[in-house]
Amino acid sequence: MSHLIETMAYVNETPWHGLGNQLTARQPIEVWAKQAGMDWQIRETPVCFSTGHAGGPGATASFPENKVLFRSDTNEPLSVVSQRFKVVQPNEILEFYRDLTEVSGFELETAGVLKGGRKIWALARTGQSSTLKGDDVSNAYVLLATACDGTLATTAQFTSIRVVCNNTLAVALGASNGAVKVRHSTSFDAQSVKRQLGISVSTWSSFMYQMKGLSERKVKTHEAMIYLSRVFADERKADSGGASDRTMAKVMALFDGHGRGAELASSKGTAFGLLNAVTEFVDHERRARSADHRLDSAWFGQGLSVKEKALEQALIMIV
C-alpha cells in the first residue's frame, strides 16, 4: 500500500488516522523535530542538464530561471521551482509554536512530514474548549502547514476538533476564512502571521457561537437532502456511475444515528449534526488508498474543500 506520511509524532491519544510516534506531554521543540522527522533542511541547487543524446557525450548546461529543492539528510529531490520561490524550513514550522507553547499555554499535539518532505505540518491545541448541550465538547487548535512542491501556500489555520468523534473542521470567520496564507513568492514571517491570524479567545468564541446556533436549528429530512445536494453539487455534476448518490446515502445514515455522537442532544436532527455527518464521512469514512491519503485530503485537499462548503451551507440555515 502506498503511504504519504514519512514520519509523524503525537501526544495524548492515538490520532484518528492511527499513525505516528507517541511522545509524552510538554516535550521541547528539539524533541519534536527529531521524533516527527523534521530535523533536516531543504537545500537548493541550480537546475543542470546534459546536452548529450541517448547517454552519449555532451556538455552540462544550467537553466538559471529554476532551481532544484532537495533534502539535506538524504539528498532526495523534492521539487523544481522558480528562483523566486521562498523556502520555509521544517524547523520554521515547529519554531512558530515555541513561544505559544512556552508562554501562551499551547500544546503541540501532532507534527509530521508528508510526501517524502514535500509537505510539512504541525498542529497545536490552544487550550480553548467549548461544550454544547449533551456534553458535546470541541477543542480549538492551530494548524500550520507548508509545501515545497507548489501544492500549498504556507497556511496557518484555526481548526476545531470534536472530541466524541475526532472530526476536524477549519474555523471559518469572515473574509479570511480563519486562515492566513503566505505565498512562496514572499518570505514567511511567523510573528506577522500570528498577528494576522488573531490568536485570541474572541475568534474561538465567535465560531462556537455559530456552532451553538447550528445545534439549535432543527432539520427535516427534505432539508437535509437539499443541503447534501448543494454540498456535493460538484461531485454530482461529474458523476455518471451513481457514486455521489452512495456518498449522500452514507452521510444521511451517519446523520440519522449511525455517526459518532449523532445521538447527542447537540446533533440529533440538527444542522450541527448534519455538518458533522459530512465531516465524519470526509475524515473517517470516505474511500482512500490509505489513512494518510485520507488525512492529506481532509486537511489540505478535496476533503477540506468539501468540509468548507459544508460549513458554508450549514451557516446559511441560521442566517
C-alpha atoms as a PDB file:
ATOM      1  CA  MET A   1       0.000   0.000   0.000  1.00  0.00           C
ATOM      2  CA  SER A   2       1.274   3.444  -0.902  1.00  0.00           C
ATOM      3  CA  HIS A   3       1.815   5.810   2.010  1.00  0.00           C
ATOM      4  CA  LEU A   4       2.134   9.589   2.071  1.00  0.00           C
ATOM      5  CA  ILE A   5       3.307  10.072   5.660  1.00  0.00           C
ATOM      6  CA  GLU A   6       7.043   9.600   6.064  1.00  0.00           C
ATOM      7  CA  THR A   7       7.299  10.396   9.781  1.00  0.00           C
ATOM      8  CA  MET A   8       4.995  11.829  12.413  1.00  0.00           C
ATOM      9  CA  ALA A   9       4.851  12.357  16.169  1.00  0.00           C
ATOM     10  CA  TYR A  10       1.912  12.920  18.519  1.00  0.00           C
ATOM     11  CA  VAL A  11       0.968  13.254  22.187  1.00  0.00           C
ATOM     12  CA  ASN A  12      -2.095  12.049  24.126  1.00  0.00           C
ATOM     13  CA  GLU A  13      -4.355   9.549  22.371  1.00  0.00           C
ATOM     14  CA  THR A  14      -3.558   7.944  19.033  1.00  0.00           C
ATOM     15  CA  PRO A  15      -4.749  10.311  16.265  1.00  0.00           C
ATOM     16  CA  TRP A  16      -7.865   9.443  14.299  1.00  0.00           C
ATOM     17  CA  HIS A  17      -5.700   8.403  11.360  1.00  0.00           C
ATOM     18  CA  GLY A  18      -3.819   5.930  13.617  1.00  0.00           C
ATOM     19  CA  LEU A  19      -0.309   6.970  12.587  1.00  0.00           C
ATOM     20  CA  GLY A  20       2.845   8.285  14.276  1.00  0.00           C
ATOM     21  CA  ASN A  21       5.325   8.013  17.175  1.00  0.00           C
ATOM     22  CA  GLN A  22       3.860   8.741  20.606  1.00  0.00           C
ATOM     23  CA  LEU A  23       5.565  11.299  22.848  1.00  0.00           C
ATOM     24  CA  THR A  24       4.974  12.272  26.458  1.00  0.00           C
ATOM     25  CA  ALA A  25       3.434  15.698  27.022  1.00  0.00           C
ATOM     26  CA  ARG A  26       5.302  19.019  27.016  1.00  0.00           C
ATOM     27  CA  GLN A  27       8.341  17.883  25.062  1.00  0.00           C
ATOM     28  CA  PRO A  28      10.668  20.661  23.810  1.00  0.00           C
ATOM     29  CA  ILE A  29      10.678  21.704  20.168  1.00  0.00           C
ATOM     30  CA  GLU A  30      14.005  19.893  19.628  1.00  0.00           C
ATOM     31  CA  VAL A  31      12.475  16.535  20.625  1.00  0.00           C
ATOM     32  CA  TRP A  32       9.503  17.146  18.360  1.00  0.00           C
ATOM     33  CA  ALA A  33      11.855  17.895  15.452  1.00  0.00           C
ATOM     34  CA  LYS A  34      13.620  14.550  15.841  1.00  0.00           C
ATOM     35  CA  GLN A  35      10.589  12.365  16.553  1.00  0.00           C
ATOM     36  CA  ALA A  36       8.439  13.969  13.875  1.00  0.00           C
ATOM     37  CA  GLY A  37      11.214  13.539  11.295  1.00  0.00           C
ATOM     38  CA  MET A  38      11.624  17.291  10.815  1.00  0.00           C
ATOM     39  CA  ASP A  39      15.300  17.587  11.812  1.00  0.00           C
ATOM     40  CA  TRP A  40      16.605  18.290   8.298  1.00  0.00           C
ATOM     41  CA  GLN A  41      16.735  21.248   5.929  1.00  0.00           C
ATOM     42  CA  ILE A  42      15.537  22.000   2.430  1.00  0.00           C
ATOM     43  CA  ARG A  43      18.539  22.864   0.278  1.00  0.00           C
ATOM     44  CA  GLU A  44      18.636  24.190  -3.255  1.00  0.00           C
ATOM     45  CA  THR A  45      20.850  23.926  -6.303  1.00  0.00           C
ATOM     46  CA  PRO A  46      20.653  25.248  -9.882  1.00  0.00           C
ATOM     47  CA  VAL A  47      18.896  23.134 -12.497  1.00  0.00           C
ATOM     48  CA  CYS A  48      21.500  21.476 -14.726  1.00  0.00           C
ATOM     49  CA  PHE A  49      21.091  19.278 -17.786  1.00  0.00           C
ATOM     50  CA  SER A  50      23.227  17.377 -20.257  1.00  0.00           C
ATOM     51  CA  THR A  51      23.218  18.260 -23.942  1.00  0.00           C
ATOM     52  CA  GLY A  52      24.183  14.689 -24.884  1.00  0.00           C
ATOM     53  CA  HIS A  53      21.764  12.325 -26.610  1.00  0.00           C
ATOM     54  CA  ALA A  54      20.855   8.770 -25.513  1.00  0.00           C
ATOM     55  CA  GLY A  55      23.668   8.635 -22.993  1.00  0.00           C
ATOM     56  CA  GLY A  56      26.263   9.956 -25.389  1.00  0.00           C
ATOM     57  CA  PRO A  57      28.833  12.623 -24.557  1.00  0.00           C
ATOM     58  CA  GLY A  58      27.679  16.170 -24.177  1.00  0.00           C
ATOM     59  CA  ALA A  59      28.225  19.334 -22.231  1.00  0.00           C
ATOM     60  CA  THR A  60      26.497  20.216 -18.968  1.00  0.00           C
ATOM     61  CA  ALA A  61      24.435  23.381 -19.034  1.00  0.00           C
ATOM     62  CA  SER A  62      22.329  25.212 -16.462  1.00  0.00           C
ATOM     63  CA  PHE A  63      18.829  26.636 -16.514  1.00  0.00           C
ATOM     64  CA  PRO A  64      19.153  29.740 -14.319  1.00  0.00           C
ATOM     65  CA  GLU A  65      15.440  30.557 -14.055  1.00  0.00           C
ATOM     66  CA  ASN A  66      14.778  27.464 -11.915  1.00  0.00           C
ATOM     67  CA  LYS A  67      16.291  25.556  -9.007  1.00  0.00           C
ATOM     68  CA  VAL A  68      16.018  22.073  -7.521  1.00  0.00           C
ATOM     69  CA  LEU A  69      14.981  21.688  -3.880  1.00  0.00           C
ATOM     70  CA  PHE A  70      16.324  18.623  -2.069  1.00  0.00           C
ATOM     71  CA  ARG A  71      16.621  17.167   1.439  1.00  0.00           C
ATOM     72  CA  SER A  72      19.818  17.760   3.394  1.00  0.00           C
ATOM     73  CA  ASP A  73      19.694  14.348   5.115  1.00  0.00           C
ATOM     74  CA  THR A  74      19.024  12.046   2.138  1.00  0.00           C
ATOM     75  CA  ASN A  75      19.749  14.301  -0.868  1.00  0.00           C
ATOM     76  CA  GLU A  76      16.389  13.162  -2.245  1.00  0.00           C
ATOM     77  CA  PRO A  77      14.888  15.707  -4.682  1.00  0.00           C
ATOM     78  CA  LEU A  78      11.692  17.444  -3.593  1.00  0.00           C
ATOM     79  CA  SER A  79      10.703  19.703  -6.475  1.00  0.00           C
ATOM     80  CA  VAL A  80      11.790  22.077  -9.213  1.00  0.00           C
ATOM     81  CA  VAL A  81      10.722  25.675  -8.583  1.00  0.00           C
ATOM     82  CA  SER A  82      11.484  29.151  -9.854  1.00  0.00           C
ATOM     83  CA  GLN A  83      14.306  31.219  -8.414  1.00  0.00           C
ATOM     84  CA  ARG A  84      11.659  33.446  -6.799  1.00  0.00           C
ATOM     85  CA  PHE A  85      10.424  30.593  -4.599  1.00  0.00           C
ATOM     86  CA  LYS A  86      10.979  31.277  -0.876  1.00  0.00           C
ATOM     87  CA  VAL A  87      11.620  28.095   1.098  1.00  0.00           C
ATOM     88  CA  VAL A  88      10.030  27.545   4.521  1.00  0.00           C
ATOM     89  CA  GLN A  89      12.177  25.108   6.501  1.00  0.00           C
ATOM     90  CA  PRO A  90      10.791  22.248   8.652  1.00  0.00           C
ATOM     91  CA  ASN A  91      12.230  23.843  11.789  1.00  0.00           C
ATOM     92  CA  GLU A  92      10.383  27.097  10.985  1.00  0.00           C
ATOM     93  CA  ILE A  93       7.072  25.239  11.178  1.00  0.00           C
ATOM     94  CA  LEU A  94       7.896  23.999  14.682  1.00  0.00           C
ATOM     95  CA  GLU A  95       9.534  27.240  15.824  1.00  0.00           C
ATOM     96  CA  PHE A  96       6.244  29.007  15.059  1.00  0.00           C
ATOM     97  CA  TYR A  97       4.895  27.325  18.197  1.00  0.00           C
ATOM     98  CA  ARG A  98       7.843  27.884  20.557  1.00  0.00           C
ATOM     99  CA  ASP A  99       6.546  30.999  22.310  1.00  0.00           C
ATOM    100  CA  LEU A 100       2.972  29.737  22.069  1.00  0.00           C
ATOM    101  CA  THR A 101       3.877  26.529  23.932  1.00  0.00           C
ATOM    102  CA  GLU A 102       6.347  28.057  26.384  1.00  0.00           C
ATOM    103  CA  VAL A 103       4.370  31.196  27.269  1.00  0.00           C
ATOM    104  CA  SER A 104       0.798  31.043  25.999  1.00  0.00           C
ATOM    105  CA  GLY A 105      -0.294  27.584  27.129  1.00  0.00           C
ATOM    106  CA  PHE A 106      -0.486  25.919  23.713  1.00  0.00           C
ATOM    107  CA  GLU A 107       0.456  22.233  23.433  1.00  0.00           C
ATOM    108  CA  LEU A 108       1.782  20.589  20.279  1.00  0.00           C
ATOM    109  CA  GLU A 109      -0.336  17.549  19.509  1.00  0.00           C
ATOM    110  CA  THR A 110       0.828  16.279  16.103  1.00  0.00           C
ATOM    111  CA  ALA A 111       3.572  17.150  13.627  1.00  0.00           C
ATOM    112  CA  GLY A 112       4.962  15.366  10.643  1.00  0.00           C
ATOM    113  CA  VAL A 113       6.147  15.025   7.064  1.00  0.00           C
ATOM    114  CA  LEU A 114       4.034  14.083   4.055  1.00  0.00           C
ATOM    115  CA  LYS A 115       5.070  13.034   0.552  1.00  0.00           C
ATOM    116  CA  GLY A 116       8.729  12.478   1.375  1.00  0.00           C
ATOM    117  CA  GLY A 117       9.175  16.029   2.691  1.00  0.00           C
ATOM    118  CA  ARG A 118       7.223  17.967   0.087  1.00  0.00           C
ATOM    119  CA  LYS A 119       4.557  18.824   2.683  1.00  0.00           C
ATOM    120  CA  ILE A 120       5.161  19.556   6.388  1.00  0.00           C
ATOM    121  CA  TRP A 121       2.746  20.398   9.199  1.00  0.00           C
ATOM    122  CA  ALA A 122       2.278  20.833  12.947  1.00  0.00           C
ATOM    123  CA  LEU A 123      -0.942  21.042  14.962  1.00  0.00           C
ATOM    124  CA  ALA A 124      -1.227  22.544  18.456  1.00  0.00           C
ATOM    125  CA  ARG A 125      -4.097  22.713  20.907  1.00  0.00           C
ATOM    126  CA  THR A 126      -4.722  26.273  22.054  1.00  0.00           C
ATOM    127  CA  GLY A 127      -6.208  25.386  25.444  1.00  0.00           C
ATOM    128  CA  GLN A 128      -9.606  26.764  24.465  1.00  0.00           C
ATOM    129  CA  SER A 129     -12.604  24.462  24.672  1.00  0.00           C
ATOM    130  CA  SER A 130     -16.391  24.727  24.449  1.00  0.00           C
ATOM    131  CA  THR A 131     -19.287  22.416  25.294  1.00  0.00           C
ATOM    132  CA  LEU A 132     -22.655  22.244  23.560  1.00  0.00           C
ATOM    133  CA  LYS A 133     -25.756  20.639  25.054  1.00  0.00           C
ATOM    134  CA  GLY A 134     -25.414  16.929  25.680  1.00  0.00           C
ATOM    135  CA  ASP A 135     -21.818  17.347  26.892  1.00  0.00           C
ATOM    136  CA  ASP A 136     -20.582  17.712  23.306  1.00  0.00           C
ATOM    137  CA  VAL A 137     -17.026  19.079  23.613  1.00  0.00           C
ATOM    138  CA  SER A 138     -14.923  20.729  20.901  1.00  0.00           C
ATOM    139  CA  ASN A 139     -11.324  21.876  21.323  1.00  0.00           C
ATOM    140  CA  ALA A 140      -9.524  24.665  19.474  1.00  0.00           C
ATOM    141  CA  TYR A 141      -6.293  24.089  17.530  1.00  0.00           C
ATOM    142  CA  VAL A 142      -3.970  25.994  15.236  1.00  0.00           C
ATOM    143  CA  LEU A 143      -2.641  24.104  12.209  1.00  0.00           C
ATOM    144  CA  LEU A 144       0.440  25.360  10.349  1.00  0.00           C
ATOM    145  CA  ALA A 145       1.459  23.677   7.117  1.00  0.00           C
ATOM    146  CA  THR A 146       3.622  24.327   4.084  1.00  0.00           C
ATOM    147  CA  ALA A 147       4.664  22.593   0.871  1.00  0.00           C
ATOM    148  CA  CYS A 148       7.623  22.988  -1.441  1.00  0.00           C
ATOM    149  CA  ASP A 149       6.027  21.368  -4.499  1.00  0.00           C
ATOM    150  CA  GLY A 150       3.608  24.161  -5.411  1.00  0.00           C
ATOM    151  CA  THR A 151       0.528  22.453  -3.941  1.00  0.00           C
ATOM    152  CA  LEU A 152       0.100  24.617  -0.824  1.00  0.00           C
ATOM    153  CA  ALA A 153       0.980  28.098   0.344  1.00  0.00           C
ATOM    154  CA  THR A 154       2.286  28.298   3.897  1.00  0.00           C
ATOM    155  CA  THR A 155      -1.024  28.288   5.762  1.00  0.00           C
ATOM    156  CA  ALA A 156      -1.942  28.960   9.399  1.00  0.00           C
ATOM    157  CA  GLN A 157      -5.486  27.838  10.151  1.00  0.00           C
ATOM    158  CA  PHE A 158      -7.757  27.718  13.182  1.00  0.00           C
ATOM    159  CA  THR A 159      -9.173  24.189  13.445  1.00  0.00           C
ATOM    160  CA  SER A 160     -11.905  22.705  15.622  1.00  0.00           C
ATOM    161  CA  ILE A 161     -11.735  19.047  16.683  1.00  0.00           C
ATOM    162  CA  ARG A 162     -14.860  17.465  18.172  1.00  0.00           C
ATOM    163  CA  VAL A 163     -13.845  15.124  20.978  1.00  0.00           C
ATOM    164  CA  VAL A 164     -16.585  12.498  20.593  1.00  0.00           C
ATOM    165  CA  CYS A 165     -15.595  11.663  17.013  1.00  0.00           C
ATOM    166  CA  ASN A 166     -12.313  13.495  16.266  1.00  0.00           C
ATOM    167  CA  ASN A 167     -13.986  15.297  13.359  1.00  0.00           C
ATOM    168  CA  THR A 168     -11.807  18.151  12.130  1.00  0.00           C
ATOM    169  CA  LEU A 169     -13.285  21.393  10.847  1.00  0.00           C
ATOM    170  CA  ALA A 170     -11.466  24.512   9.721  1.00  0.00           C
ATOM    171  CA  VAL A 171     -12.769  27.550  11.587  1.00  0.00           C
ATOM    172  CA  ALA A 172     -14.190  29.962   9.013  1.00  0.00           C
ATOM    173  CA  LEU A 173     -14.773  33.535  10.115  1.00  0.00           C
ATOM    174  CA  GLY A 174     -15.355  36.415   7.738  1.00  0.00           C
ATOM    175  CA  ALA A 175     -13.333  37.077   4.622  1.00  0.00           C
ATOM    176  CA  SER A 176     -10.180  35.432   5.999  1.00  0.00           C
ATOM    177  CA  ASN A 177     -11.903  32.047   6.432  1.00  0.00           C
ATOM    178  CA  GLY A 178      -9.981  31.725   9.681  1.00  0.00           C
ATOM    179  CA  ALA A 179      -6.704  31.277   7.798  1.00  0.00           C
ATOM    180  CA  VAL A 180      -3.602  33.231   6.886  1.00  0.00           C
ATOM    181  CA  LYS A 181      -1.824  32.164   3.688  1.00  0.00           C
ATOM    182  CA  VAL A 182       1.703  33.218   2.745  1.00  0.00           C
ATOM    183  CA  ARG A 183       2.640  32.627  -0.879  1.00  0.00           C
ATOM    184  CA  HIS A 184       6.078  31.239  -1.569  1.00  0.00           C
ATOM    185  CA  SER A 185       6.925  34.334  -3.564  1.00  0.00           C
ATOM    186  CA  THR A 186       7.193  36.197  -0.249  1.00  0.00           C
ATOM    187  CA  SER A 187       9.147  35.469   2.920  1.00  0.00           C
ATOM    188  CA  PHE A 188       7.427  33.730   5.831  1.00  0.00           C
ATOM    189  CA  ASP A 189       7.239  35.965   8.930  1.00  0.00           C
ATOM    190  CA  ALA A 190       5.933  33.930  11.873  1.00  0.00           C
ATOM    191  CA  GLN A 191       5.113  36.894  14.113  1.00  0.00           C
ATOM    192  CA  SER A 192       3.256  38.670  11.326  1.00  0.00           C
ATOM    193  CA  VAL A 193       1.204  35.534  10.661  1.00  0.00           C
ATOM    194  CA  LYS A 194       0.278  35.277  14.343  1.00  0.00           C
ATOM    195  CA  ARG A 195      -0.879  38.878  14.367  1.00  0.00           C
ATOM    196  CA  GLN A 196      -2.950  38.389  11.218  1.00  0.00           C
ATOM    197  CA  LEU A 197      -4.437  35.137  12.478  1.00  0.00           C
ATOM    198  CA  GLY A 198      -5.540  36.908  15.655  1.00  0.00           C
ATOM    199  CA  ILE A 199      -4.824  34.098  18.090  1.00  0.00           C
ATOM    200  CA  SER A 200      -7.386  35.138  20.651  1.00  0.00           C
ATOM    201  CA  VAL A 201     -10.340  33.999  22.691  1.00  0.00           C
ATOM    202  CA  SER A 202     -12.732  36.088  20.577  1.00  0.00           C
ATOM    203  CA  THR A 203     -12.022  34.068  17.405  1.00  0.00           C
ATOM    204  CA  TRP A 204     -12.921  30.790  19.058  1.00  0.00           C
ATOM    205  CA  SER A 205     -15.913  32.256  20.890  1.00  0.00           C
ATOM    206  CA  SER A 206     -17.370  33.613  17.634  1.00  0.00           C
ATOM    207  CA  PHE A 207     -17.003  30.234  15.952  1.00  0.00           C
ATOM    208  CA  MET A 208     -18.616  28.329  18.831  1.00  0.00           C
ATOM    209  CA  TYR A 209     -21.478  30.842  18.883  1.00  0.00           C
ATOM    210  CA  GLN A 210     -22.154  29.754  15.300  1.00  0.00           C
ATOM    211  CA  MET A 211     -21.933  26.077  16.276  1.00  0.00           C
ATOM    212  CA  LYS A 212     -24.426  26.680  19.090  1.00  0.00           C
ATOM    213  CA  GLY A 213     -26.794  28.205  16.563  1.00  0.00           C
ATOM    214  CA  LEU A 214     -26.451  25.132  14.351  1.00  0.00           C
ATOM    215  CA  SER A 215     -27.081  22.820  17.328  1.00  0.00           C
ATOM    216  CA  GLU A 216     -30.409  24.601  17.970  1.00  0.00           C
ATOM    217  CA  ARG A 217     -31.547  24.546  14.318  1.00  0.00           C
ATOM    218  CA  LYS A 218     -33.775  21.518  13.698  1.00  0.00           C
ATOM    219  CA  VAL A 219     -33.527  19.989  10.212  1.00  0.00           C
ATOM    220  CA  LYS A 220     -36.175  17.980   8.401  1.00  0.00           C
ATOM    221  CA  THR A 221     -35.305  15.128   6.042  1.00  0.00           C
ATOM    222  CA  HIS A 222     -36.077  17.058   2.860  1.00  0.00           C
ATOM    223  CA  GLU A 223     -33.935  19.976   4.094  1.00  0.00           C
ATOM    224  CA  ALA A 224     -31.062  17.584   4.776  1.00  0.00           C
ATOM    225  CA  MET A 225     -31.257  16.182   1.251  1.00  0.00           C
ATOM    226  CA  ILE A 226     -31.257  19.682  -0.282  1.00  0.00           C
ATOM    227  CA  TYR A 227     -28.261  20.580   1.892  1.00  0.00           C
ATOM    228  CA  LEU A 228     -26.290  17.490   0.807  1.00  0.00           C
ATOM    229  CA  SER A 229     -27.125  18.062  -2.858  1.00  0.00           C
ATOM    230  CA  ARG A 230     -25.566  21.518  -2.542  1.00  0.00           C
ATOM    231  CA  VAL A 231     -22.501  20.315  -0.614  1.00  0.00           C
ATOM    232  CA  PHE A 232     -21.801  17.569  -3.160  1.00  0.00           C
ATOM    233  CA  ALA A 233     -23.005  19.514  -6.205  1.00  0.00           C
ATOM    234  CA  ASP A 234     -19.638  19.408  -7.991  1.00  0.00           C
ATOM    235  CA  GLU A 235     -19.337  15.655  -7.491  1.00  0.00           C
ATOM    236  CA  ARG A 236     -22.883  15.120  -8.707  1.00  0.00           C
ATOM    237  CA  LYS A 237     -22.115  17.009 -11.924  1.00  0.00           C
ATOM    238  CA  ALA A 238     -19.017  14.912 -12.596  1.00  0.00           C
ATOM    239  CA  ASP A 239     -20.570  11.596 -11.539  1.00  0.00           C
ATOM    240  CA  SER A 240     -22.055   9.208 -14.072  1.00  0.00           C
ATOM    241  CA  GLY A 241     -21.902   5.996 -12.037  1.00  0.00           C
ATOM    242  CA  GLY A 242     -24.023   6.798  -9.010  1.00  0.00           C
ATOM    243  CA  ALA A 243     -21.079   7.331  -6.626  1.00  0.00           C
ATOM    244  CA  SER A 244     -22.416  10.685  -5.438  1.00  0.00           C
ATOM    245  CA  ASP A 245     -25.778   9.109  -4.595  1.00  0.00           C
ATOM    246  CA  ARG A 246     -23.997   6.480  -2.490  1.00  0.00           C
ATOM    247  CA  THR A 247     -21.994   9.221  -0.798  1.00  0.00           C
ATOM    248  CA  MET A 248     -25.134  11.142   0.109  1.00  0.00           C
ATOM    249  CA  ALA A 249     -26.824   7.971   1.357  1.00  0.00           C
ATOM    250  CA  LYS A 250     -23.837   7.237   3.586  1.00  0.00           C
ATOM    251  CA  VAL A 251     -23.819  10.769   5.012  1.00  0.00           C
ATOM    252  CA  MET A 252     -27.575  10.581   5.648  1.00  0.00           C
ATOM    253  CA  ALA A 253     -27.062   7.321   7.538  1.00  0.00           C
ATOM    254  CA  LEU A 254     -24.434   8.994   9.726  1.00  0.00           C
ATOM    255  CA  PHE A 255     -26.849  11.863  10.353  1.00  0.00           C
ATOM    256  CA  ASP A 256     -29.735   9.501  11.134  1.00  0.00           C
ATOM    257  CA  GLY A 257     -27.984   7.957  14.132  1.00  0.00           C
ATOM    258  CA  HIS A 258     -25.097   5.890  12.810  1.00  0.00           C
ATOM    259  CA  GLY A 259     -22.442   8.582  13.200  1.00  0.00           C
ATOM    260  CA  ARG A 260     -20.219   9.112  16.219  1.00  0.00           C
ATOM    261  CA  GLY A 261     -22.069  11.457  18.561  1.00  0.00           C
ATOM    262  CA  ALA A 262     -25.114  11.537  16.283  1.00  0.00           C
ATOM    263  CA  GLU A 263     -27.452  10.807  19.218  1.00  0.00           C
ATOM    264  CA  LEU A 264     -26.168  13.675  21.374  1.00  0.00           C
ATOM    265  CA  ALA A 265     -28.665  16.471  22.002  1.00  0.00           C
ATOM    266  CA  SER A 266     -26.478  18.898  20.035  1.00  0.00           C
ATOM    267  CA  SER A 267     -26.595  16.711  16.924  1.00  0.00           C
ATOM    268  CA  LYS A 268     -29.771  14.671  16.759  1.00  0.00           C
ATOM    269  CA  GLY A 269     -31.879  16.129  13.986  1.00  0.00           C
ATOM    270  CA  THR A 270     -29.940  19.416  13.912  1.00  0.00           C
ATOM    271  CA  ALA A 271     -27.857  21.377  11.426  1.00  0.00           C
ATOM    272  CA  PHE A 272     -24.831  20.762  13.657  1.00  0.00           C
ATOM    273  CA  GLY A 273     -25.388  17.015  13.389  1.00  0.00           C
ATOM    274  CA  LEU A 274     -25.745  17.304   9.625  1.00  0.00           C
ATOM    275  CA  LEU A 275     -22.487  19.248   9.355  1.00  0.00           C
ATOM    276  CA  ASN A 276     -20.728  16.638  11.472  1.00  0.00           C
ATOM    277  CA  ALA A 277     -22.109  13.828   9.328  1.00  0.00           C
ATOM    278  CA  VAL A 278     -20.276  15.381   6.379  1.00  0.00           C
ATOM    279  CA  THR A 279     -17.051  15.948   8.333  1.00  0.00           C
ATOM    280  CA  GLU A 280     -17.135  12.409   9.733  1.00  0.00           C
ATOM    281  CA  PHE A 281     -17.591  11.000   6.253  1.00  0.00           C
ATOM    282  CA  VAL A 282     -14.630  13.005   4.920  1.00  0.00           C
ATOM    283  CA  ASP A 283     -12.341  12.341   7.913  1.00  0.00           C
ATOM    284  CA  HIS A 284     -13.170   8.704   8.615  1.00  0.00           C
ATOM    285  CA  GLU A 285     -15.373   7.012   6.034  1.00  0.00           C
ATOM    286  CA  ARG A 286     -14.501   8.150   2.547  1.00  0.00           C
ATOM    287  CA  ARG A 287     -12.626   5.596   0.467  1.00  0.00           C
ATOM    288  CA  ALA A 288      -8.906   6.330   0.233  1.00  0.00           C
ATOM    289  CA  ARG A 289      -5.727   4.496  -0.699  1.00  0.00           C
ATOM    290  CA  SER A 290      -4.576   4.696   2.925  1.00  0.00           C
ATOM    291  CA  ALA A 291      -5.209   6.571   6.177  1.00  0.00           C
ATOM    292  CA  ASP A 292      -2.556   9.146   5.328  1.00  0.00           C
ATOM    293  CA  HIS A 293      -4.039   9.788   1.888  1.00  0.00           C
ATOM    294  CA  ARG A 294      -7.327  10.455   3.679  1.00  0.00           C
ATOM    295  CA  LEU A 295      -5.557  12.822   6.118  1.00  0.00           C
ATOM    296  CA  ASP A 296      -3.930  14.732   3.267  1.00  0.00           C
ATOM    297  CA  SER A 297      -7.296  15.166   1.578  1.00  0.00           C
ATOM    298  CA  ALA A 298      -9.170  16.080   4.773  1.00  0.00           C
ATOM    299  CA  TRP A 299      -6.636  18.717   5.821  1.00  0.00           C
ATOM    300  CA  PHE A 300      -5.296  20.056   2.537  1.00  0.00           C
ATOM    301  CA  GLY A 301      -7.135  18.658  -0.474  1.00  0.00           C
ATOM    302  CA  GLN A 302     -10.567  17.824  -1.828  1.00  0.00           C
ATOM    303  CA  GLY A 303     -11.836  16.733   1.578  1.00  0.00           C
ATOM    304  CA  LEU A 304     -11.021  20.150   3.027  1.00  0.00           C
ATOM    305  CA  SER A 305     -12.943  21.821   0.197  1.00  0.00           C
ATOM    306  CA  VAL A 306     -15.991  19.634   0.874  1.00  0.00           C
ATOM    307  CA  LYS A 307     -15.912  20.475   4.596  1.00  0.00           C
ATOM    308  CA  GLU A 308     -15.569  24.194   3.885  1.00  0.00           C
ATOM    309  CA  LYS A 309     -18.599  24.027   1.602  1.00  0.00           C
ATOM    310  CA  ALA A 310     -20.496  22.004   4.209  1.00  0.00           C
ATOM    311  CA  LEU A 311     -19.862  24.685   6.846  1.00  0.00           C
ATOM    312  CA  GLU A 312     -20.823  27.473   4.434  1.00  0.00           C
ATOM    313  CA  GLN A 313     -24.106  25.779   3.535  1.00  0.00           C
ATOM    314  CA  ALA A 314     -24.876  24.944   7.179  1.00  0.00           C
ATOM    315  CA  LEU A 315     -24.419  28.558   8.288  1.00  0.00           C
ATOM    316  CA  ILE A 316     -26.929  29.661   5.638  1.00  0.00           C
ATOM    317  CA  MET A 317     -29.550  27.742   7.633  1.00  0.00           C
ATOM    318  CA  ILE A 318     -29.201  30.073  10.617  1.00  0.00           C
ATOM    319  CA  VAL A 319     -28.900  33.398   8.820  1.00  0.00           C
END
